[in-house]
PDB file of N, CA and C in Angstrom:
ATOM      1  N   MET A   1       0.545  19.280  91.913  1.00  0.00           N
ATOM      2  CA  MET A   1       0.273  18.144  91.061  1.00  0.00           C
ATOM      3  C   MET A   1       0.412  18.601  89.607  1.00  0.00           C
ATOM      4  N   GLU A   2       1.114  17.793  88.840  1.00  0.00           N
ATOM      5  CA  GLU A   2       1.273  18.073  87.415  1.00  0.00           C
ATOM      6  C   GLU A   2       0.012  17.662  86.670  1.00  0.00           C
ATOM      7  N   THR A   3      -0.420  18.485  85.740  1.00  0.00           N
ATOM      8  CA  THR A   3      -1.591  18.130  84.938  1.00  0.00           C
ATOM      9  C   THR A   3      -1.146  17.523  83.607  1.00  0.00           C
ATOM     10  N   ILE A   4      -2.020  16.695  83.042  1.00  0.00           N
ATOM     11  CA  ILE A   4      -1.781  16.093  81.727  1.00  0.00           C
ATOM     12  C   ILE A   4      -3.004  16.348  80.864  1.00  0.00           C
ATOM     13  N   THR A   5      -2.834  16.195  79.580  1.00  0.00           N
ATOM     14  CA  THR A   5      -3.970  16.355  78.677  1.00  0.00           C
ATOM     15  C   THR A   5      -4.736  15.042  78.593  1.00  0.00           C
ATOM     16  N   PHE A   6      -5.958  15.128  78.082  1.00  0.00           N
ATOM     17  CA  PHE A   6      -6.745  13.918  77.898  1.00  0.00           C
ATOM     18  C   PHE A   6      -6.068  12.983  76.901  1.00  0.00           C
ATOM     19  N   ASP A   7      -5.455  13.556  75.862  1.00  0.00           N
ATOM     20  CA  ASP A   7      -4.737  12.732  74.882  1.00  0.00           C
ATOM     21  C   ASP A   7      -3.600  11.959  75.528  1.00  0.00           C
ATOM     22  N   GLU A   8      -2.891  12.575  76.479  1.00  0.00           N
ATOM     23  CA  GLU A   8      -1.824  11.867  77.194  1.00  0.00           C
ATOM     24  C   GLU A   8      -2.412  10.723  78.016  1.00  0.00           C
ATOM     25  N   PHE A   9      -3.527  10.980  78.678  1.00  0.00           N
ATOM     26  CA  PHE A   9      -4.174   9.946  79.483  1.00  0.00           C
ATOM     27  C   PHE A   9      -4.589   8.753  78.627  1.00  0.00           C
ATOM     28  N   THR A  10      -5.108   9.016  77.428  1.00  0.00           N
ATOM     29  CA  THR A  10      -5.603   7.920  76.593  1.00  0.00           C
ATOM     30  C   THR A  10      -4.485   7.007  76.100  1.00  0.00           C
ATOM     31  N   LYS A  11      -3.236   7.445  76.209  1.00  0.00           N
ATOM     32  CA  LYS A  11      -2.111   6.593  75.817  1.00  0.00           C
ATOM     33  C   LYS A  11      -1.846   5.481  76.822  1.00  0.00           C
ATOM     34  N   VAL A  12      -2.319   5.648  78.058  1.00  0.00           N
ATOM     35  CA  VAL A  12      -2.120   4.636  79.095  1.00  0.00           C
ATOM     36  C   VAL A  12      -3.190   3.563  78.927  1.00  0.00           C
ATOM     37  N   GLU A  13      -2.746   2.338  78.672  1.00  0.00           N
ATOM     38  CA  GLU A  13      -3.664   1.211  78.479  1.00  0.00           C
ATOM     39  C   GLU A  13      -3.933   0.545  79.823  1.00  0.00           C
ATOM     40  N   LEU A  14      -4.985   0.988  80.498  1.00  0.00           N
ATOM     41  CA  LEU A  14      -5.433   0.367  81.744  1.00  0.00           C
ATOM     42  C   LEU A  14      -6.503  -0.641  81.374  1.00  0.00           C
ATOM     43  N   ARG A  15      -6.211  -1.916  81.609  1.00  0.00           N
ATOM     44  CA  ARG A  15      -7.107  -2.997  81.193  1.00  0.00           C
ATOM     45  C   ARG A  15      -7.466  -3.887  82.376  1.00  0.00           C
ATOM     46  N   VAL A  16      -8.603  -4.546  82.273  1.00  0.00           N
ATOM     47  CA  VAL A  16      -9.067  -5.493  83.280  1.00  0.00           C
ATOM     48  C   VAL A  16      -8.552  -6.884  82.940  1.00  0.00           C
ATOM     49  N   GLY A  17      -8.026  -7.554  83.964  1.00  0.00           N
ATOM     50  CA  GLY A  17      -7.593  -8.934  83.803  1.00  0.00           C
ATOM     51  C   GLY A  17      -8.003  -9.753  85.010  1.00  0.00           C
ATOM     52  N   ARG A  18      -7.928 -11.061  84.871  1.00  0.00           N
ATOM     53  CA  ARG A  18      -8.243 -11.972  85.982  1.00  0.00           C
ATOM     54  C   ARG A  18      -6.975 -12.704  86.388  1.00  0.00           C
ATOM     55  N   VAL A  19      -6.671 -12.675  87.678  1.00  0.00           N
ATOM     56  CA  VAL A  19      -5.496 -13.376  88.198  1.00  0.00           C
ATOM     57  C   VAL A  19      -5.733 -14.879  88.064  1.00  0.00           C
ATOM     58  N   VAL A  20      -4.837 -15.552  87.346  1.00  0.00           N
ATOM     59  CA  VAL A  20      -4.961 -17.006  87.168  1.00  0.00           C
ATOM     60  C   VAL A  20      -3.937 -17.761  88.004  1.00  0.00           C
ATOM     61  N   SER A  21      -2.911 -17.042  88.482  1.00  0.00           N
ATOM     62  CA  SER A  21      -1.873 -17.672  89.298  1.00  0.00           C
ATOM     63  C   SER A  21      -1.230 -16.607  90.173  1.00  0.00           C
ATOM     64  N   ALA A  22      -0.969 -16.965  91.425  1.00  0.00           N
ATOM     65  CA  ALA A  22      -0.279 -16.069  92.358  1.00  0.00           C
ATOM     66  C   ALA A  22       0.650 -16.925  93.214  1.00  0.00           C
ATOM     67  N   LYS A  23       1.950 -16.605  93.136  1.00  0.00           N
ATOM     68  CA  LYS A  23       2.950 -17.387  93.859  1.00  0.00           C
ATOM     69  C   LYS A  23       3.893 -16.454  94.606  1.00  0.00           C
ATOM     70  N   PRO A  24       4.426 -16.910  95.742  1.00  0.00           N
ATOM     71  CA  PRO A  24       5.431 -16.094  96.443  1.00  0.00           C
ATOM     72  C   PRO A  24       6.624 -15.808  95.535  1.00  0.00           C
ATOM     73  N   PHE A  25       7.240 -14.658  95.748  1.00  0.00           N
ATOM     74  CA  PHE A  25       8.398 -14.224  94.956  1.00  0.00           C
ATOM     75  C   PHE A  25       9.553 -13.959  95.925  1.00  0.00           C
ATOM     76  N   PRO A  26      10.189 -15.040  96.428  1.00  0.00           N
ATOM     77  CA  PRO A  26      11.215 -14.880  97.463  1.00  0.00           C
ATOM     78  C   PRO A  26      12.443 -14.098  97.000  1.00  0.00           C
ATOM     79  N   GLU A  27      12.699 -14.023  95.701  1.00  0.00           N
ATOM     80  CA  GLU A  27      13.873 -13.301  95.200  1.00  0.00           C
ATOM     81  C   GLU A  27      13.663 -11.783  95.147  1.00  0.00           C
ATOM     82  N   ALA A  28      12.440 -11.323  95.329  1.00  0.00           N
ATOM     83  CA  ALA A  28      12.147  -9.884  95.259  1.00  0.00           C
ATOM     84  C   ALA A  28      12.791  -9.148  96.431  1.00  0.00           C
ATOM     85  N   ARG A  29      13.223  -7.898  96.181  1.00  0.00           N
ATOM     86  CA  ARG A  29      13.814  -7.080  97.250  1.00  0.00           C
ATOM     87  C   ARG A  29      12.790  -6.745  98.324  1.00  0.00           C
ATOM     88  N   LYS A  30      11.565  -6.432  97.916  1.00  0.00           N
ATOM     89  CA  LYS A  30      10.466  -6.184  98.853  1.00  0.00           C
ATOM     90  C   LYS A  30       9.490  -7.343  98.702  1.00  0.00           C
ATOM     91  N   PRO A  31       8.819  -7.734  99.785  1.00  0.00           N
ATOM     92  CA  PRO A  31       7.883  -8.864  99.695  1.00  0.00           C
ATOM     93  C   PRO A  31       6.884  -8.680  98.557  1.00  0.00           C
ATOM     94  N   ALA A  32       6.762  -9.712  97.725  1.00  0.00           N
ATOM     95  CA  ALA A  32       5.903  -9.613  96.539  1.00  0.00           C
ATOM     96  C   ALA A  32       5.440 -11.000  96.113  1.00  0.00           C
ATOM     97  N   TYR A  33       4.464 -10.983  95.199  1.00  0.00           N
ATOM     98  CA  TYR A  33       3.999 -12.192  94.538  1.00  0.00           C
ATOM     99  C   TYR A  33       4.285 -12.073  93.048  1.00  0.00           C
ATOM    100  N   ILE A  34       4.421 -13.214  92.407  1.00  0.00           N
ATOM    101  CA  ILE A  34       4.435 -13.264  90.948  1.00  0.00           C
ATOM    102  C   ILE A  34       3.011 -13.616  90.532  1.00  0.00           C
ATOM    103  N   LEU A  35       2.401 -12.709  89.780  1.00  0.00           N
ATOM    104  CA  LEU A  35       1.037 -12.936  89.298  1.00  0.00           C
ATOM    105  C   LEU A  35       1.053 -13.251  87.818  1.00  0.00           C
ATOM    106  N   GLU A  36       0.176 -14.129  87.401  1.00  0.00           N
ATOM    107  CA  GLU A  36      -0.137 -14.315  85.993  1.00  0.00           C
ATOM    108  C   GLU A  36      -1.565 -13.836  85.839  1.00  0.00           C
ATOM    109  N   VAL A  37      -1.756 -12.880  84.914  1.00  0.00           N
ATOM    110  CA  VAL A  37      -3.056 -12.240  84.749  1.00  0.00           C
ATOM    111  C   VAL A  37      -3.541 -12.442  83.315  1.00  0.00           C
ATOM    112  N   ASN A  38      -4.767 -12.943  83.190  1.00  0.00           N
ATOM    113  CA  ASN A  38      -5.377 -13.186  81.880  1.00  0.00           C
ATOM    114  C   ASN A  38      -6.157 -11.939  81.457  1.00  0.00           C
ATOM    115  N   PHE A  39      -5.728 -11.325  80.343  1.00  0.00           N
ATOM    116  CA  PHE A  39      -6.390 -10.139  79.813  1.00  0.00           C
ATOM    117  C   PHE A  39      -7.266 -10.464  78.600  1.00  0.00           C
ATOM    118  N   GLY A  40      -7.609 -11.715  78.433  1.00  0.00           N
ATOM    119  CA  GLY A  40      -8.493 -12.099  77.342  1.00  0.00           C
ATOM    120  C   GLY A  40      -7.749 -12.440  76.068  1.00  0.00           C
ATOM    121  N   GLU A  41      -8.526 -12.693  75.042  1.00  0.00           N
ATOM    122  CA  GLU A  41      -7.997 -13.205  73.779  1.00  0.00           C
ATOM    123  C   GLU A  41      -6.996 -12.261  73.118  1.00  0.00           C
ATOM    124  N   GLU A  42      -7.269 -10.967  73.133  1.00  0.00           N
ATOM    125  CA  GLU A  42      -6.401  -9.999  72.440  1.00  0.00           C
ATOM    126  C   GLU A  42      -5.008  -9.906  73.061  1.00  0.00           C
ATOM    127  N   LEU A  43      -4.925  -9.852  74.388  1.00  0.00           N
ATOM    128  CA  LEU A  43      -3.643  -9.635  75.075  1.00  0.00           C
ATOM    129  C   LEU A  43      -3.065 -10.892  75.719  1.00  0.00           C
ATOM    130  N   GLY A  44      -3.904 -11.863  76.019  1.00  0.00           N
ATOM    131  CA  GLY A  44      -3.436 -13.100  76.627  1.00  0.00           C
ATOM    132  C   GLY A  44      -3.036 -12.947  78.078  1.00  0.00           C
ATOM    133  N   ILE A  45      -2.146 -13.835  78.520  1.00  0.00           N
ATOM    134  CA  ILE A  45      -1.690 -13.867  79.916  1.00  0.00           C
ATOM    135  C   ILE A  45      -0.374 -13.123  80.027  1.00  0.00           C
ATOM    136  N   LYS A  46      -0.293 -12.247  81.030  1.00  0.00           N
ATOM    137  CA  LYS A  46       0.921 -11.474  81.289  1.00  0.00           C
ATOM    138  C   LYS A  46       1.343 -11.677  82.735  1.00  0.00           C
ATOM    139  N   LYS A  47       2.669 -11.622  82.975  1.00  0.00           N
ATOM    140  CA  LYS A  47       3.228 -11.746  84.327  1.00  0.00           C
ATOM    141  C   LYS A  47       3.436 -10.376  84.942  1.00  0.00           C
ATOM    142  N   SER A  48       3.342 -10.350  86.269  1.00  0.00           N
ATOM    143  CA  SER A  48       3.605  -9.120  87.006  1.00  0.00           C
ATOM    144  C   SER A  48       4.162  -9.464  88.384  1.00  0.00           C
ATOM    145  N   SER A  49       5.083  -8.642  88.855  1.00  0.00           N
ATOM    146  CA  SER A  49       5.523  -8.703  90.243  1.00  0.00           C
ATOM    147  C   SER A  49       4.678  -7.685  90.995  1.00  0.00           C
ATOM    148  N   ALA A  50       3.993  -8.128  92.050  1.00  0.00           N
ATOM    149  CA  ALA A  50       3.075  -7.241  92.757  1.00  0.00           C
ATOM    150  C   ALA A  50       3.315  -7.307  94.266  1.00  0.00           C
ATOM    151  N   GLN A  51       3.509  -6.148  94.867  1.00  0.00           N
ATOM    152  CA  GLN A  51       3.765  -6.058  96.309  1.00  0.00           C
ATOM    153  C   GLN A  51       2.436  -6.004  97.063  1.00  0.00           C
ATOM    154  N   LEU A  52       1.795  -7.161  97.145  1.00  0.00           N
ATOM    155  CA  LEU A  52       0.467  -7.269  97.742  1.00  0.00           C
ATOM    156  C   LEU A  52       0.445  -8.143  98.985  1.00  0.00           C
ATOM    157  N   THR A  53       1.614  -8.499  99.496  1.00  0.00           N
ATOM    158  CA  THR A  53       1.693  -9.493 100.568  1.00  0.00           C
ATOM    159  C   THR A  53       1.114  -9.010 101.895  1.00  0.00           C
ATOM    160  N   GLY A  54       0.999  -7.707 102.086  1.00  0.00           N
ATOM    161  CA  GLY A  54       0.476  -7.182 103.354  1.00  0.00           C
ATOM    162  C   GLY A  54      -1.009  -7.432 103.553  1.00  0.00           C
ATOM    163  N   LEU A  55      -1.770  -7.468 102.464  1.00  0.00           N
ATOM    164  CA  LEU A  55      -3.229  -7.578 102.583  1.00  0.00           C
ATOM    165  C   LEU A  55      -3.824  -8.829 101.940  1.00  0.00           C
ATOM    166  N   TYR A  56      -3.035  -9.554 101.157  1.00  0.00           N
ATOM    167  CA  TYR A  56      -3.575 -10.694 100.412  1.00  0.00           C
ATOM    168  C   TYR A  56      -2.686 -11.920 100.561  1.00  0.00           C
ATOM    169  N   LYS A  57      -3.339 -13.081 100.591  1.00  0.00           N
ATOM    170  CA  LYS A  57      -2.644 -14.366 100.468  1.00  0.00           C
ATOM    171  C   LYS A  57      -2.773 -14.782  98.999  1.00  0.00           C
ATOM    172  N   PRO A  58      -1.823 -15.582  98.495  1.00  0.00           N
ATOM    173  CA  PRO A  58      -1.891 -15.968  97.081  1.00  0.00           C
ATOM    174  C   PRO A  58      -3.236 -16.568  96.680  1.00  0.00           C
ATOM    175  N   GLU A  59      -3.782 -17.434  97.515  1.00  0.00           N
ATOM    176  CA  GLU A  59      -5.041 -18.088  97.165  1.00  0.00           C
ATOM    177  C   GLU A  59      -6.218 -17.109  97.109  1.00  0.00           C
ATOM    178  N   GLU A  60      -6.122 -15.969  97.793  1.00  0.00           N
ATOM    179  CA  GLU A  60      -7.177 -14.956  97.737  1.00  0.00           C
ATOM    180  C   GLU A  60      -7.135 -14.165  96.424  1.00  0.00           C
ATOM    181  N   LEU A  61      -5.986 -14.142  95.787  1.00  0.00           N
ATOM    182  CA  LEU A  61      -5.817 -13.371  94.563  1.00  0.00           C
ATOM    183  C   LEU A  61      -6.308 -14.113  93.324  1.00  0.00           C
ATOM    184  N   VAL A  62      -6.188 -15.437  93.331  1.00  0.00           N
ATOM    185  CA  VAL A  62      -6.588 -16.227  92.157  1.00  0.00           C
ATOM    186  C   VAL A  62      -8.089 -16.062  91.918  1.00  0.00           C
ATOM    187  N   GLY A  63      -8.428 -15.685  90.697  1.00  0.00           N
ATOM    188  CA  GLY A  63      -9.816 -15.468  90.318  1.00  0.00           C
ATOM    189  C   GLY A  63     -10.264 -14.020  90.432  1.00  0.00           C
ATOM    190  N   LYS A  64      -9.475 -13.177  91.063  1.00  0.00           N
ATOM    191  CA  LYS A  64      -9.830 -11.779  91.278  1.00  0.00           C
ATOM    192  C   LYS A  64      -9.599 -10.956  90.013  1.00  0.00           C
ATOM    193  N   LEU A  65     -10.541 -10.066  89.706  1.00  0.00           N
ATOM    194  CA  LEU A  65     -10.348  -9.101  88.629  1.00  0.00           C
ATOM    195  C   LEU A  65      -9.447  -7.986  89.129  1.00  0.00           C
ATOM    196  N   VAL A  66      -8.526  -7.531  88.271  1.00  0.00           N
ATOM    197  CA  VAL A  66      -7.604  -6.455  88.621  1.00  0.00           C
ATOM    198  C   VAL A  66      -7.531  -5.472  87.456  1.00  0.00           C
ATOM    199  N   VAL A  67      -7.032  -4.277  87.743  1.00  0.00           N
ATOM    200  CA  VAL A  67      -6.783  -3.268  86.720  1.00  0.00           C
ATOM    201  C   VAL A  67      -5.270  -3.118  86.610  1.00  0.00           C
ATOM    202  N   ALA A  68      -4.751  -3.182  85.381  1.00  0.00           N
ATOM    203  CA  ALA A  68      -3.303  -3.113  85.182  1.00  0.00           C
ATOM    204  C   ALA A  68      -2.966  -2.269  83.957  1.00  0.00           C
ATOM    205  N   VAL A  69      -1.792  -1.654  84.013  1.00  0.00           N
ATOM    206  CA  VAL A  69      -1.238  -0.971  82.845  1.00  0.00           C
ATOM    207  C   VAL A  69      -0.555  -2.045  82.006  1.00  0.00           C
ATOM    208  N   VAL A  70      -0.951  -2.153  80.740  1.00  0.00           N
ATOM    209  CA  VAL A  70      -0.414  -3.218  79.897  1.00  0.00           C
ATOM    210  C   VAL A  70       0.504  -2.718  78.789  1.00  0.00           C
ATOM    211  N   ASN A  71       0.741  -1.398  78.712  1.00  0.00           N
ATOM    212  CA  ASN A  71       1.595  -0.902  77.629  1.00  0.00           C
ATOM    213  C   ASN A  71       2.871  -0.214  78.116  1.00  0.00           C
ATOM    214  N   PHE A  72       3.293  -0.499  79.339  1.00  0.00           N
ATOM    215  CA  PHE A  72       4.640  -0.115  79.757  1.00  0.00           C
ATOM    216  C   PHE A  72       5.622  -1.096  79.125  1.00  0.00           C
ATOM    217  N   PRO A  73       6.877  -0.694  78.932  1.00  0.00           N
ATOM    218  CA  PRO A  73       7.869  -1.669  78.467  1.00  0.00           C
ATOM    219  C   PRO A  73       8.042  -2.775  79.514  1.00  0.00           C
ATOM    220  N   LYS A  74       8.372  -3.967  79.051  1.00  0.00           N
ATOM    221  CA  LYS A  74       8.661  -5.067  79.973  1.00  0.00           C
ATOM    222  C   LYS A  74       9.821  -4.673  80.867  1.00  0.00           C
ATOM    223  N   LYS A  75       9.812  -5.192  82.112  1.00  0.00           N
ATOM    224  CA  LYS A  75      10.853  -4.835  83.075  1.00  0.00           C
ATOM    225  C   LYS A  75      11.352  -6.092  83.772  1.00  0.00           C
ATOM    226  N   GLN A  76      12.670  -6.276  83.759  1.00  0.00           N
ATOM    227  CA  GLN A  76      13.277  -7.422  84.445  1.00  0.00           C
ATOM    228  C   GLN A  76      13.271  -7.147  85.941  1.00  0.00           C
ATOM    229  N   ILE A  77      12.627  -8.022  86.700  1.00  0.00           N
ATOM    230  CA  ILE A  77      12.603  -7.920  88.156  1.00  0.00           C
ATOM    231  C   ILE A  77      13.110  -9.254  88.679  1.00  0.00           C
ATOM    232  N   GLY A  78      14.372  -9.267  89.087  1.00  0.00           N
ATOM    233  CA  GLY A  78      14.981 -10.523  89.506  1.00  0.00           C
ATOM    234  C   GLY A  78      14.916 -11.513  88.363  1.00  0.00           C
ATOM    235  N   PRO A  79      14.442 -12.729  88.643  1.00  0.00           N
ATOM    236  CA  PRO A  79      14.422 -13.753  87.596  1.00  0.00           C
ATOM    237  C   PRO A  79      13.211 -13.695  86.659  1.00  0.00           C
ATOM    238  N   ILE A  80      12.278 -12.757  86.891  1.00  0.00           N
ATOM    239  CA  ILE A  80      11.109 -12.711  86.007  1.00  0.00           C
ATOM    240  C   ILE A  80      11.085 -11.432  85.181  1.00  0.00           C
ATOM    241  N   MET A  81      10.386 -11.506  84.058  1.00  0.00           N
ATOM    242  CA  MET A  81      10.160 -10.340  83.219  1.00  0.00           C
ATOM    243  C   MET A  81       8.721  -9.885  83.477  1.00  0.00           C
ATOM    244  N   SER A  82       8.579  -8.736  84.134  1.00  0.00           N
ATOM    245  CA  SER A  82       7.258  -8.197  84.419  1.00  0.00           C
ATOM    246  C   SER A  82       6.710  -7.560  83.142  1.00  0.00           C
ATOM    247  N   GLU A  83       5.478  -7.942  82.788  1.00  0.00           N
ATOM    248  CA  GLU A  83       4.885  -7.508  81.526  1.00  0.00           C
ATOM    249  C   GLU A  83       3.726  -6.532  81.701  1.00  0.00           C
ATOM    250  N   CYS A  84       3.331  -6.284  82.939  1.00  0.00           N
ATOM    251  CA  CYS A  84       2.251  -5.343  83.207  1.00  0.00           C
ATOM    252  C   CYS A  84       2.404  -4.826  84.633  1.00  0.00           C
ATOM    253  N   LEU A  85       1.709  -3.732  84.930  1.00  0.00           N
ATOM    254  CA  LEU A  85       1.742  -3.150  86.269  1.00  0.00           C
ATOM    255  C   LEU A  85       0.343  -3.209  86.856  1.00  0.00           C
ATOM    256  N   VAL A  86       0.161  -4.082  87.837  1.00  0.00           N
ATOM    257  CA  VAL A  86      -1.118  -4.203  88.526  1.00  0.00           C
ATOM    258  C   VAL A  86      -1.253  -2.989  89.456  1.00  0.00           C
ATOM    259  N   THR A  87      -2.418  -2.333  89.426  1.00  0.00           N
ATOM    260  CA  THR A  87      -2.592  -1.090  90.160  1.00  0.00           C
ATOM    261  C   THR A  87      -3.245  -1.300  91.524  1.00  0.00           C
ATOM    262  N   GLY A  88      -2.955  -0.375  92.422  1.00  0.00           N
ATOM    263  CA  GLY A  88      -3.540  -0.415  93.754  1.00  0.00           C
ATOM    264  C   GLY A  88      -3.264   0.870  94.498  1.00  0.00           C
ATOM    265  N   PHE A  89      -3.765   0.918  95.716  1.00  0.00           N
ATOM    266  CA  PHE A  89      -3.619   2.083  96.582  1.00  0.00           C
ATOM    267  C   PHE A  89      -3.016   1.647  97.905  1.00  0.00           C
ATOM    268  N   ALA A  90      -2.039   2.412  98.412  1.00  0.00           N
ATOM    269  CA  ALA A  90      -1.418   2.106  99.698  1.00  0.00           C
ATOM    270  C   ALA A  90      -2.290   2.637 100.828  1.00  0.00           C
ATOM    271  N   ASN A  91      -2.435   1.830 101.875  1.00  0.00           N
ATOM    272  CA  ASN A  91      -3.152   2.297 103.063  1.00  0.00           C
ATOM    273  C   ASN A  91      -2.177   3.022 103.996  1.00  0.00           C
ATOM    274  N   GLU A  92      -2.632   3.363 105.172  1.00  0.00           N
ATOM    275  CA  GLU A  92      -1.805   4.120 106.121  1.00  0.00           C
ATOM    276  C   GLU A  92      -0.553   3.360 106.571  1.00  0.00           C
ATOM    277  N   ASN A  93      -0.541   2.038 106.422  1.00  0.00           N
ATOM    278  CA  ASN A  93       0.621   1.227 106.789  1.00  0.00           C
ATOM    279  C   ASN A  93       1.535   0.940 105.603  1.00  0.00           C
ATOM    280  N   GLY A  94       1.154   1.415 104.420  1.00  0.00           N
ATOM    281  CA  GLY A  94       1.943   1.157 103.225  1.00  0.00           C
ATOM    282  C   GLY A  94       1.568  -0.131 102.519  1.00  0.00           C
ATOM    283  N   ASP A  95       0.587  -0.859 103.040  1.00  0.00           N
ATOM    284  CA  ASP A  95       0.123  -2.083 102.383  1.00  0.00           C
ATOM    285  C   ASP A  95      -0.765  -1.709 101.198  1.00  0.00           C
ATOM    286  N   VAL A  96      -0.641  -2.471 100.106  1.00  0.00           N
ATOM    287  CA  VAL A  96      -1.351  -2.125  98.873  1.00  0.00           C
ATOM    288  C   VAL A  96      -2.663  -2.897  98.749  1.00  0.00           C
ATOM    289  N   ALA A  97      -3.752  -2.120  98.542  1.00  0.00           N
ATOM    290  CA  ALA A  97      -5.069  -2.681  98.238  1.00  0.00           C
ATOM    291  C   ALA A  97      -5.283  -2.545  96.734  1.00  0.00           C
ATOM    292  N   LEU A  98      -5.706  -3.613  96.102  1.00  0.00           N
ATOM    293  CA  LEU A  98      -5.889  -3.627  94.650  1.00  0.00           C
ATOM    294  C   LEU A  98      -6.946  -2.636  94.185  1.00  0.00           C
ATOM    295  N   CYS A  99      -6.721  -2.086  93.010  1.00  0.00           N
ATOM    296  CA  CYS A  99      -7.719  -1.304  92.291  1.00  0.00           C
ATOM    297  C   CYS A  99      -8.498  -2.316  91.451  1.00  0.00           C
ATOM    298  N   VAL A 100      -9.792  -2.472  91.723  1.00  0.00           N
ATOM    299  CA  VAL A 100     -10.587  -3.507  91.062  1.00  0.00           C
ATOM    300  C   VAL A 100     -11.928  -2.951  90.597  1.00  0.00           C
ATOM    301  N   PRO A 101     -12.476  -3.504  89.503  1.00  0.00           N
ATOM    302  CA  PRO A 101     -13.840  -3.122  89.128  1.00  0.00           C
ATOM    303  C   PRO A 101     -14.818  -3.727  90.137  1.00  0.00           C
ATOM    304  N   ASP A 102     -15.905  -3.028  90.414  1.00  0.00           N
ATOM    305  CA  ASP A 102     -16.849  -3.554  91.401  1.00  0.00           C
ATOM    306  C   ASP A 102     -17.955  -4.409  90.781  1.00  0.00           C
ATOM    307  N   LYS A 103     -17.918  -4.551  89.461  1.00  0.00           N
ATOM    308  CA  LYS A 103     -18.845  -5.435  88.741  1.00  0.00           C
ATOM    309  C   LYS A 103     -18.044  -6.229  87.714  1.00  0.00           C
ATOM    310  N   SER A 104     -18.612  -7.328  87.258  1.00  0.00           N
ATOM    311  CA  SER A 104     -17.945  -8.150  86.249  1.00  0.00           C
ATOM    312  C   SER A 104     -17.943  -7.425  84.900  1.00  0.00           C
ATOM    313  N   VAL A 105     -16.785  -7.390  84.264  1.00  0.00           N
ATOM    314  CA  VAL A 105     -16.631  -6.819  82.924  1.00  0.00           C
ATOM    315  C   VAL A 105     -15.774  -7.773  82.105  1.00  0.00           C
ATOM    316  N   PRO A 106     -15.841  -7.708  80.776  1.00  0.00           N
ATOM    317  CA  PRO A 106     -15.055  -8.630  79.948  1.00  0.00           C
ATOM    318  C   PRO A 106     -13.552  -8.427  80.165  1.00  0.00           C
ATOM    319  N   LEU A 107     -12.820  -9.527  80.153  1.00  0.00           N
ATOM    320  CA  LEU A 107     -11.364  -9.459  80.269  1.00  0.00           C
ATOM    321  C   LEU A 107     -10.809  -8.632  79.111  1.00  0.00           C
ATOM    322  N   GLY A 108      -9.842  -7.795  79.432  1.00  0.00           N
ATOM    323  CA  GLY A 108      -9.230  -6.946  78.421  1.00  0.00           C
ATOM    324  C   GLY A 108      -9.927  -5.603  78.259  1.00  0.00           C
ATOM    325  N   SER A 109     -11.062  -5.391  78.939  1.00  0.00           N
ATOM    326  CA  SER A 109     -11.758  -4.108  78.843  1.00  0.00           C
ATOM    327  C   SER A 109     -10.831  -2.977  79.234  1.00  0.00           C
ATOM    328  N   LYS A 110     -10.907  -1.875  78.478  1.00  0.00           N
ATOM    329  CA  LYS A 110     -10.063  -0.720  78.728  1.00  0.00           C
ATOM    330  C   LYS A 110     -10.791   0.281  79.617  1.00  0.00           C
ATOM    331  N   LEU A 111     -10.065   0.827  80.584  1.00  0.00           N
ATOM    332  CA  LEU A 111     -10.593   1.887  81.427  1.00  0.00           C
ATOM    333  C   LEU A 111     -10.743   3.147  80.578  1.00  0.00           C
ATOM    334  N   PHE A 112     -11.868   3.811  80.722  1.00  0.00           N
ATOM    335  CA  PHE A 112     -12.050   5.082  80.014  1.00  0.00           C
ATOM    336  C   PHE A 112     -12.847   6.030  80.868  1.00  0.00           C
TER     337      PHE A 112
END
């Protein structure tokens, strides 16, 4: 495993957001949803393509707090421009479980 410095880690903006919309993304190469995530007043709403179809239905995602990287460059994924990377962990089947805070925190809060 490669090590990084604490200063390198602090450059990654991991923020809490709330999913406000989750829709199927049929144009994606791998099964995915298009998420709209609200990161609060400072960052607003950002779109993301998320491969969460193995463990979640769209209606289960709406209202859920998530942790996402918000300072990667935007990335064109099919017809959408992904503006953040929602984080998660793959289980033994390769299905992704979201990385989420276990208590309510303000939208836009930074992981530290």
